[in-house]
């Protein structure tokens, strides 16, 4: 008969508490970020080509800085939003905005090496 994997109750409670406390430390507005699978209205970015690796999702409206693990490191994206959004690059004395069209995707996105934030407007930036 196959045996299941047993986890001591103390270890299970400790890991559950750790997860709950880390969730409180990383809490952000629901309109800004989701992790994991994208939902309707989200624009999601991944650290690896082909929509693989660590991910982060933006939900319009407004501006949001990307998390540090994705800052200047986005390799792919997928938009499930019904509206265009802009990838924002701050630096070199100005800012640049790159259009991401509604329902667009890129499995190999060179511009992601410049990604600092995402917005529903160009934020007064130059076209980049």
N, C-alpha and C. Protein backbone atom coordinates (compact mmCIF):
# COMPACT_ATOMS: atom_id res chain seq x y z
N UNK A 1 0.84 -1.17 0.00
CA UNK A 1 0.00 0.00 0.00
C UNK A 1 0.89 1.24 0.00
N UNK A 2 0.62 2.26 -0.87
CA UNK A 2 1.45 3.46 -0.90
C UNK A 2 1.31 4.26 0.38
N UNK A 3 2.40 4.88 0.75
CA UNK A 3 2.41 5.69 1.96
C UNK A 3 2.35 7.16 1.60
N UNK A 4 1.64 7.93 2.36
CA UNK A 4 1.57 9.37 2.16
C UNK A 4 2.70 10.07 2.88
N UNK A 5 2.90 11.30 2.56
CA UNK A 5 3.91 12.10 3.20
C UNK A 5 3.31 12.75 4.44
N UNK A 6 3.90 12.52 5.59
CA UNK A 6 3.38 13.07 6.84
C UNK A 6 4.17 14.31 7.22
N UNK A 7 3.47 15.35 7.62
CA UNK A 7 4.10 16.58 8.09
C UNK A 7 3.71 16.76 9.55
N UNK A 8 4.70 16.91 10.43
CA UNK A 8 4.36 17.13 11.83
C UNK A 8 3.50 18.37 11.98
N UNK A 9 2.52 18.30 12.88
CA UNK A 9 1.59 19.41 13.08
C UNK A 9 2.31 20.70 13.42
N UNK A 10 3.36 20.63 14.25
CA UNK A 10 4.09 21.84 14.64
C UNK A 10 4.74 22.50 13.41
N UNK A 11 5.28 21.71 12.52
CA UNK A 11 5.90 22.25 11.31
C UNK A 11 4.85 22.88 10.41
N UNK A 12 3.71 22.24 10.30
CA UNK A 12 2.63 22.78 9.48
C UNK A 12 2.15 24.12 10.03
N UNK A 13 1.95 24.21 11.33
CA UNK A 13 1.51 25.46 11.95
C UNK A 13 2.57 26.54 11.81
N UNK A 14 3.82 26.19 11.97
CA UNK A 14 4.90 27.18 11.85
C UNK A 14 4.97 27.73 10.43
N UNK A 15 4.87 26.85 9.43
CA UNK A 15 4.94 27.32 8.05
C UNK A 15 3.72 28.15 7.69
N UNK A 16 2.55 27.79 8.21
CA UNK A 16 1.34 28.57 7.95
C UNK A 16 1.47 29.96 8.55
N UNK A 17 1.99 30.04 9.76
CA UNK A 17 2.20 31.34 10.40
C UNK A 17 3.20 32.18 9.65
N UNK A 18 4.26 31.53 9.15
CA UNK A 18 5.27 32.24 8.38
C UNK A 18 4.67 32.79 7.11
N UNK A 19 3.86 32.00 6.43
CA UNK A 19 3.21 32.47 5.21
C UNK A 19 2.29 33.64 5.50
N UNK A 20 1.53 33.55 6.55
CA UNK A 20 0.60 34.62 6.89
C UNK A 20 1.34 35.91 7.22
N UNK A 21 2.44 35.81 8.00
CA UNK A 21 3.17 37.02 8.36
C UNK A 21 3.89 37.60 7.16
N UNK A 22 4.41 36.78 6.27
CA UNK A 22 5.08 37.32 5.08
C UNK A 22 4.06 37.96 4.14
N UNK A 23 2.84 37.45 4.11
CA UNK A 23 1.80 38.06 3.29
C UNK A 23 1.48 39.45 3.80
N UNK A 24 1.47 39.64 5.12
CA UNK A 24 1.20 40.95 5.68
C UNK A 24 2.32 41.93 5.36
N UNK A 25 3.56 41.45 5.36
CA UNK A 25 4.69 42.32 5.07
C UNK A 25 4.74 42.77 3.63
N UNK A 26 4.21 41.98 2.73
CA UNK A 26 4.28 42.31 1.31
C UNK A 26 2.95 42.78 0.75
N UNK A 27 2.01 43.12 1.61
CA UNK A 27 0.69 43.54 1.14
C UNK A 27 0.78 44.82 0.32
N UNK A 28 0.07 44.84 -0.80
CA UNK A 28 0.00 46.01 -1.67
C UNK A 28 -1.44 46.16 -2.12
N UNK A 29 -1.81 47.32 -2.65
CA UNK A 29 -3.18 47.50 -3.11
C UNK A 29 -3.56 46.46 -4.16
N UNK A 30 -4.76 45.93 -4.06
CA UNK A 30 -5.21 44.90 -5.00
C UNK A 30 -5.26 45.42 -6.43
N UNK A 31 -5.47 46.71 -6.61
CA UNK A 31 -5.53 47.26 -7.96
C UNK A 31 -4.16 47.31 -8.62
N UNK A 32 -3.10 47.14 -7.85
CA UNK A 32 -1.75 47.28 -8.41
C UNK A 32 -1.12 45.95 -8.80
N UNK A 33 -1.27 44.92 -8.00
CA UNK A 33 -0.45 43.74 -8.20
C UNK A 33 -1.21 42.46 -7.92
N UNK A 34 -0.92 41.45 -8.70
CA UNK A 34 -1.30 40.09 -8.36
C UNK A 34 -0.12 39.21 -8.73
N UNK A 35 0.02 38.09 -8.06
CA UNK A 35 1.09 37.16 -8.39
C UNK A 35 0.47 35.91 -8.98
N UNK A 36 1.25 35.24 -9.83
CA UNK A 36 0.77 33.98 -10.39
C UNK A 36 -0.01 34.18 -11.66
N UNK A 37 -1.11 33.47 -11.78
CA UNK A 37 -1.90 33.48 -13.01
C UNK A 37 -2.52 34.85 -13.25
N UNK A 38 -2.53 35.24 -14.51
CA UNK A 38 -3.14 36.53 -14.85
C UNK A 38 -4.65 36.40 -14.92
N UNK A 39 -5.31 37.52 -14.65
CA UNK A 39 -6.76 37.58 -14.69
C UNK A 39 -7.17 38.57 -15.77
N UNK A 40 -8.44 38.56 -16.12
CA UNK A 40 -8.95 39.55 -17.07
C UNK A 40 -8.64 40.93 -16.52
N UNK A 41 -8.12 41.81 -17.35
CA UNK A 41 -7.78 43.16 -16.95
C UNK A 41 -6.33 43.35 -16.54
N UNK A 42 -5.59 42.27 -16.30
CA UNK A 42 -4.19 42.35 -15.89
C UNK A 42 -3.24 42.45 -17.08
N UNK A 43 -2.09 43.05 -16.82
CA UNK A 43 -0.94 42.97 -17.72
C UNK A 43 0.17 42.36 -16.87
N UNK A 44 0.63 41.18 -17.27
CA UNK A 44 1.60 40.44 -16.47
C UNK A 44 2.96 40.40 -17.15
N UNK A 45 4.00 40.42 -16.31
CA UNK A 45 5.38 40.42 -16.78
C UNK A 45 6.11 39.26 -16.12
N UNK A 46 7.02 38.63 -16.88
CA UNK A 46 7.80 37.49 -16.38
C UNK A 46 9.29 37.78 -16.51
N UNK A 47 10.08 37.13 -15.67
CA UNK A 47 11.53 37.30 -15.69
C UNK A 47 12.21 36.46 -16.76
N UNK A 48 11.51 35.52 -17.35
CA UNK A 48 12.10 34.67 -18.38
C UNK A 48 11.24 34.72 -19.65
N UNK A 49 11.87 34.42 -20.77
CA UNK A 49 11.17 34.40 -22.05
C UNK A 49 10.05 33.36 -22.02
N UNK A 50 9.08 33.54 -22.91
CA UNK A 50 8.00 32.58 -23.05
C UNK A 50 7.03 32.58 -21.88
N UNK A 51 6.98 33.68 -21.12
CA UNK A 51 6.09 33.80 -19.97
C UNK A 51 6.41 32.74 -18.90
N UNK A 52 7.69 32.63 -18.60
CA UNK A 52 8.18 31.72 -17.56
C UNK A 52 8.97 32.51 -16.53
N UNK A 53 9.28 31.87 -15.44
CA UNK A 53 10.03 32.51 -14.36
C UNK A 53 9.08 33.16 -13.38
N UNK A 54 9.61 34.08 -12.61
CA UNK A 54 8.80 34.81 -11.63
C UNK A 54 7.93 35.82 -12.35
N UNK A 55 6.72 36.02 -11.83
CA UNK A 55 5.80 36.93 -12.51
C UNK A 55 5.22 37.97 -11.55
N UNK A 56 4.72 39.02 -12.15
CA UNK A 56 4.05 40.11 -11.44
C UNK A 56 3.02 40.69 -12.39
N UNK A 57 1.86 41.07 -11.89
CA UNK A 57 0.80 41.61 -12.73
C UNK A 57 0.37 43.00 -12.27
N UNK A 58 0.09 43.83 -13.23
CA UNK A 58 -0.41 45.18 -13.02
C UNK A 58 -1.86 45.22 -13.48
N UNK A 59 -2.71 45.91 -12.72
CA UNK A 59 -4.10 46.12 -13.11
C UNK A 59 -4.35 47.62 -13.15
N UNK A 60 -4.68 48.17 -14.34
CA UNK A 60 -4.95 49.60 -14.43
C UNK A 60 -6.14 49.97 -13.55
N UNK A 61 -6.27 51.23 -13.13
CA UNK A 61 -5.56 52.42 -13.59
C UNK A 61 -4.42 52.81 -12.65
N UNK A 62 -3.75 53.92 -13.02
CA UNK A 62 -2.70 54.49 -12.20
C UNK A 62 -1.31 54.06 -12.60
N UNK A 63 -0.35 54.52 -11.83
CA UNK A 63 1.06 54.16 -12.02
C UNK A 63 1.49 53.28 -10.87
N UNK A 64 2.33 52.28 -11.18
CA UNK A 64 2.90 51.40 -10.16
C UNK A 64 4.33 51.07 -10.54
N UNK A 65 5.27 51.20 -9.59
CA UNK A 65 6.63 50.71 -9.79
C UNK A 65 6.59 49.19 -9.84
N UNK A 66 7.43 48.60 -10.69
CA UNK A 66 7.52 47.14 -10.69
C UNK A 66 8.33 46.71 -9.48
N UNK A 67 8.11 45.49 -8.98
CA UNK A 67 8.91 45.02 -7.85
C UNK A 67 10.39 44.87 -8.25
N UNK A 68 11.25 44.92 -7.27
CA UNK A 68 12.70 44.89 -7.50
C UNK A 68 13.14 43.68 -8.33
N UNK A 69 12.56 42.50 -8.08
CA UNK A 69 13.00 41.31 -8.82
C UNK A 69 12.73 41.43 -10.32
N UNK A 70 11.87 42.35 -10.72
CA UNK A 70 11.52 42.52 -12.13
C UNK A 70 12.09 43.81 -12.72
N UNK A 71 12.58 44.68 -11.87
CA UNK A 71 13.12 45.98 -12.29
C UNK A 71 14.26 45.78 -13.29
N UNK A 72 14.05 46.27 -14.50
CA UNK A 72 15.02 46.14 -15.60
C UNK A 72 15.30 44.67 -15.97
N UNK A 73 14.36 43.77 -15.65
CA UNK A 73 14.60 42.34 -15.90
C UNK A 73 13.40 41.61 -16.51
N UNK A 74 12.43 42.31 -17.06
CA UNK A 74 11.27 41.64 -17.65
C UNK A 74 11.66 41.07 -19.01
N UNK A 75 11.41 39.80 -19.21
CA UNK A 75 11.77 39.16 -20.47
C UNK A 75 10.56 38.87 -21.35
N UNK A 76 9.36 38.89 -20.77
CA UNK A 76 8.15 38.64 -21.55
C UNK A 76 6.95 39.25 -20.83
N UNK A 77 5.86 39.43 -21.57
CA UNK A 77 4.63 39.96 -20.98
C UNK A 77 3.42 39.45 -21.74
N UNK A 78 2.25 39.57 -21.10
CA UNK A 78 0.96 39.27 -21.72
C UNK A 78 -0.06 40.24 -21.14
N UNK A 79 -0.82 40.88 -22.05
CA UNK A 79 -1.87 41.79 -21.62
C UNK A 79 -3.22 41.12 -21.76
N UNK A 80 -3.95 41.08 -20.67
CA UNK A 80 -5.34 40.64 -20.68
C UNK A 80 -6.26 41.83 -20.42
N UNK A 81 -5.70 43.03 -20.58
CA UNK A 81 -6.45 44.26 -20.34
C UNK A 81 -7.18 44.67 -21.62
N UNK A 82 -8.32 45.33 -21.44
CA UNK A 82 -9.09 45.83 -22.58
C UNK A 82 -8.64 47.22 -23.00
N UNK A 83 -7.58 47.71 -22.39
CA UNK A 83 -7.06 49.04 -22.68
C UNK A 83 -5.54 48.97 -22.81
N UNK A 84 -4.98 49.95 -23.49
CA UNK A 84 -3.53 50.04 -23.59
C UNK A 84 -2.95 50.52 -22.28
N UNK A 85 -1.74 50.08 -21.97
CA UNK A 85 -0.97 50.60 -20.84
C UNK A 85 0.43 50.91 -21.35
N UNK A 86 1.23 51.53 -20.50
CA UNK A 86 2.57 51.94 -20.90
C UNK A 86 3.61 51.41 -19.93
N UNK A 87 4.66 50.81 -20.48
CA UNK A 87 5.83 50.46 -19.69
C UNK A 87 6.65 51.74 -19.55
N UNK A 88 7.11 52.02 -18.35
CA UNK A 88 7.81 53.27 -18.08
C UNK A 88 9.26 52.98 -17.69
N UNK A 89 10.17 53.78 -18.27
CA UNK A 89 11.60 53.71 -17.98
C UNK A 89 12.03 55.08 -17.47
N UNK A 90 12.44 55.15 -16.20
CA UNK A 90 12.93 56.40 -15.62
C UNK A 90 14.45 56.40 -15.74
N UNK A 91 14.99 57.47 -16.26
CA UNK A 91 16.45 57.55 -16.29
C UNK A 91 16.97 58.40 -17.42
N UNK A 92 18.26 58.58 -17.39
CA UNK A 92 18.96 59.36 -18.41
C UNK A 92 18.38 60.77 -18.54
N UNK A 93 17.97 61.38 -17.40
CA UNK A 93 17.48 62.75 -17.39
C UNK A 93 16.04 62.94 -17.85
N UNK A 94 15.38 61.90 -18.23
CA UNK A 94 13.98 61.97 -18.66
C UNK A 94 13.32 60.62 -18.40
N UNK A 95 12.13 60.45 -18.91
CA UNK A 95 11.50 59.13 -18.83
C UNK A 95 11.00 58.75 -20.23
N UNK A 96 10.87 57.46 -20.44
CA UNK A 96 10.42 56.91 -21.71
C UNK A 96 9.23 56.00 -21.46
N UNK A 97 8.30 56.01 -22.39
CA UNK A 97 7.11 55.17 -22.29
C UNK A 97 7.01 54.28 -23.53
N UNK A 98 6.71 53.03 -23.29
CA UNK A 98 6.55 52.06 -24.37
C UNK A 98 5.12 51.53 -24.33
N UNK A 99 4.39 51.69 -25.42
CA UNK A 99 3.01 51.25 -25.52
C UNK A 99 2.90 49.73 -25.45
N UNK A 100 1.99 49.26 -24.62
CA UNK A 100 1.59 47.85 -24.61
C UNK A 100 0.11 47.85 -24.97
N UNK A 101 -0.21 47.36 -26.15
CA UNK A 101 -1.59 47.38 -26.63
C UNK A 101 -2.46 46.37 -25.88
N UNK A 102 -3.75 46.64 -25.88
CA UNK A 102 -4.71 45.71 -25.27
C UNK A 102 -4.55 44.32 -25.88
N UNK A 103 -4.49 43.32 -25.05
CA UNK A 103 -4.44 41.90 -25.44
C UNK A 103 -3.20 41.56 -26.28
N UNK A 104 -2.11 42.31 -26.08
CA UNK A 104 -0.84 42.05 -26.77
C UNK A 104 0.01 41.12 -25.91
N UNK A 105 1.03 40.53 -26.51
CA UNK A 105 1.98 39.72 -25.76
C UNK A 105 3.32 39.75 -26.46
N UNK A 106 4.36 39.46 -25.71
CA UNK A 106 5.71 39.31 -26.25
C UNK A 106 6.39 38.20 -25.46
N UNK A 107 6.81 37.16 -26.14
CA UNK A 107 7.51 36.06 -25.48
C UNK A 107 9.00 36.33 -25.32
N UNK A 108 9.52 37.30 -26.07
CA UNK A 108 10.92 37.70 -25.97
C UNK A 108 10.94 39.21 -26.13
N UNK A 109 10.97 39.95 -25.03
CA UNK A 109 10.74 41.39 -25.01
C UNK A 109 11.99 42.15 -24.61
N UNK A 110 12.79 42.61 -25.58
CA UNK A 110 14.03 43.32 -25.25
C UNK A 110 13.80 44.60 -24.43
N UNK A 111 12.68 45.31 -24.64
CA UNK A 111 12.44 46.55 -23.93
C UNK A 111 12.28 46.32 -22.42
N UNK A 112 11.97 45.12 -22.03
CA UNK A 112 11.81 44.80 -20.61
C UNK A 112 13.07 45.00 -19.80
N UNK A 113 14.23 45.09 -20.45
CA UNK A 113 15.48 45.36 -19.75
C UNK A 113 15.53 46.81 -19.26
N UNK A 114 14.51 47.61 -19.61
CA UNK A 114 14.43 49.01 -19.18
C UNK A 114 13.26 49.25 -18.23
N UNK A 115 12.45 48.25 -17.95
CA UNK A 115 11.19 48.41 -17.23
C UNK A 115 11.39 48.85 -15.78
N UNK A 116 10.79 50.01 -15.43
CA UNK A 116 10.80 50.51 -14.06
C UNK A 116 9.40 50.58 -13.46
N UNK A 117 8.39 50.79 -14.30
CA UNK A 117 7.02 50.91 -13.82
C UNK A 117 6.03 50.71 -14.94
N UNK A 118 4.75 50.73 -14.58
CA UNK A 118 3.66 50.56 -15.55
C UNK A 118 2.58 51.56 -15.21
N UNK A 119 1.97 52.16 -16.25
CA UNK A 119 0.94 53.17 -16.04
C UNK A 119 -0.12 53.06 -17.13
N UNK A 120 -1.27 53.71 -16.87
CA UNK A 120 -2.32 53.74 -17.86
C UNK A 120 -2.24 55.00 -18.73
N UNK A 121 -1.23 55.85 -18.48
CA UNK A 121 -0.95 57.03 -19.32
C UNK A 121 0.54 57.05 -19.61
N UNK A 122 0.96 57.94 -20.49
CA UNK A 122 2.38 58.06 -20.82
C UNK A 122 3.17 58.81 -19.74
N UNK A 123 2.48 59.36 -18.74
CA UNK A 123 3.13 60.05 -17.62
C UNK A 123 4.00 61.23 -18.08
N UNK A 124 3.72 61.78 -19.26
CA UNK A 124 4.53 62.89 -19.77
C UNK A 124 5.87 62.46 -20.31
N UNK A 125 6.07 61.17 -20.48
CA UNK A 125 7.37 60.64 -20.94
C UNK A 125 7.47 60.71 -22.46
N UNK A 126 8.69 60.65 -22.94
CA UNK A 126 8.95 60.55 -24.37
C UNK A 126 8.61 59.14 -24.84
N UNK A 127 8.27 59.01 -26.12
CA UNK A 127 8.06 57.68 -26.68
C UNK A 127 9.39 56.96 -26.70
N UNK A 128 9.41 55.76 -26.16
CA UNK A 128 10.69 55.03 -26.07
C UNK A 128 10.61 53.79 -26.85
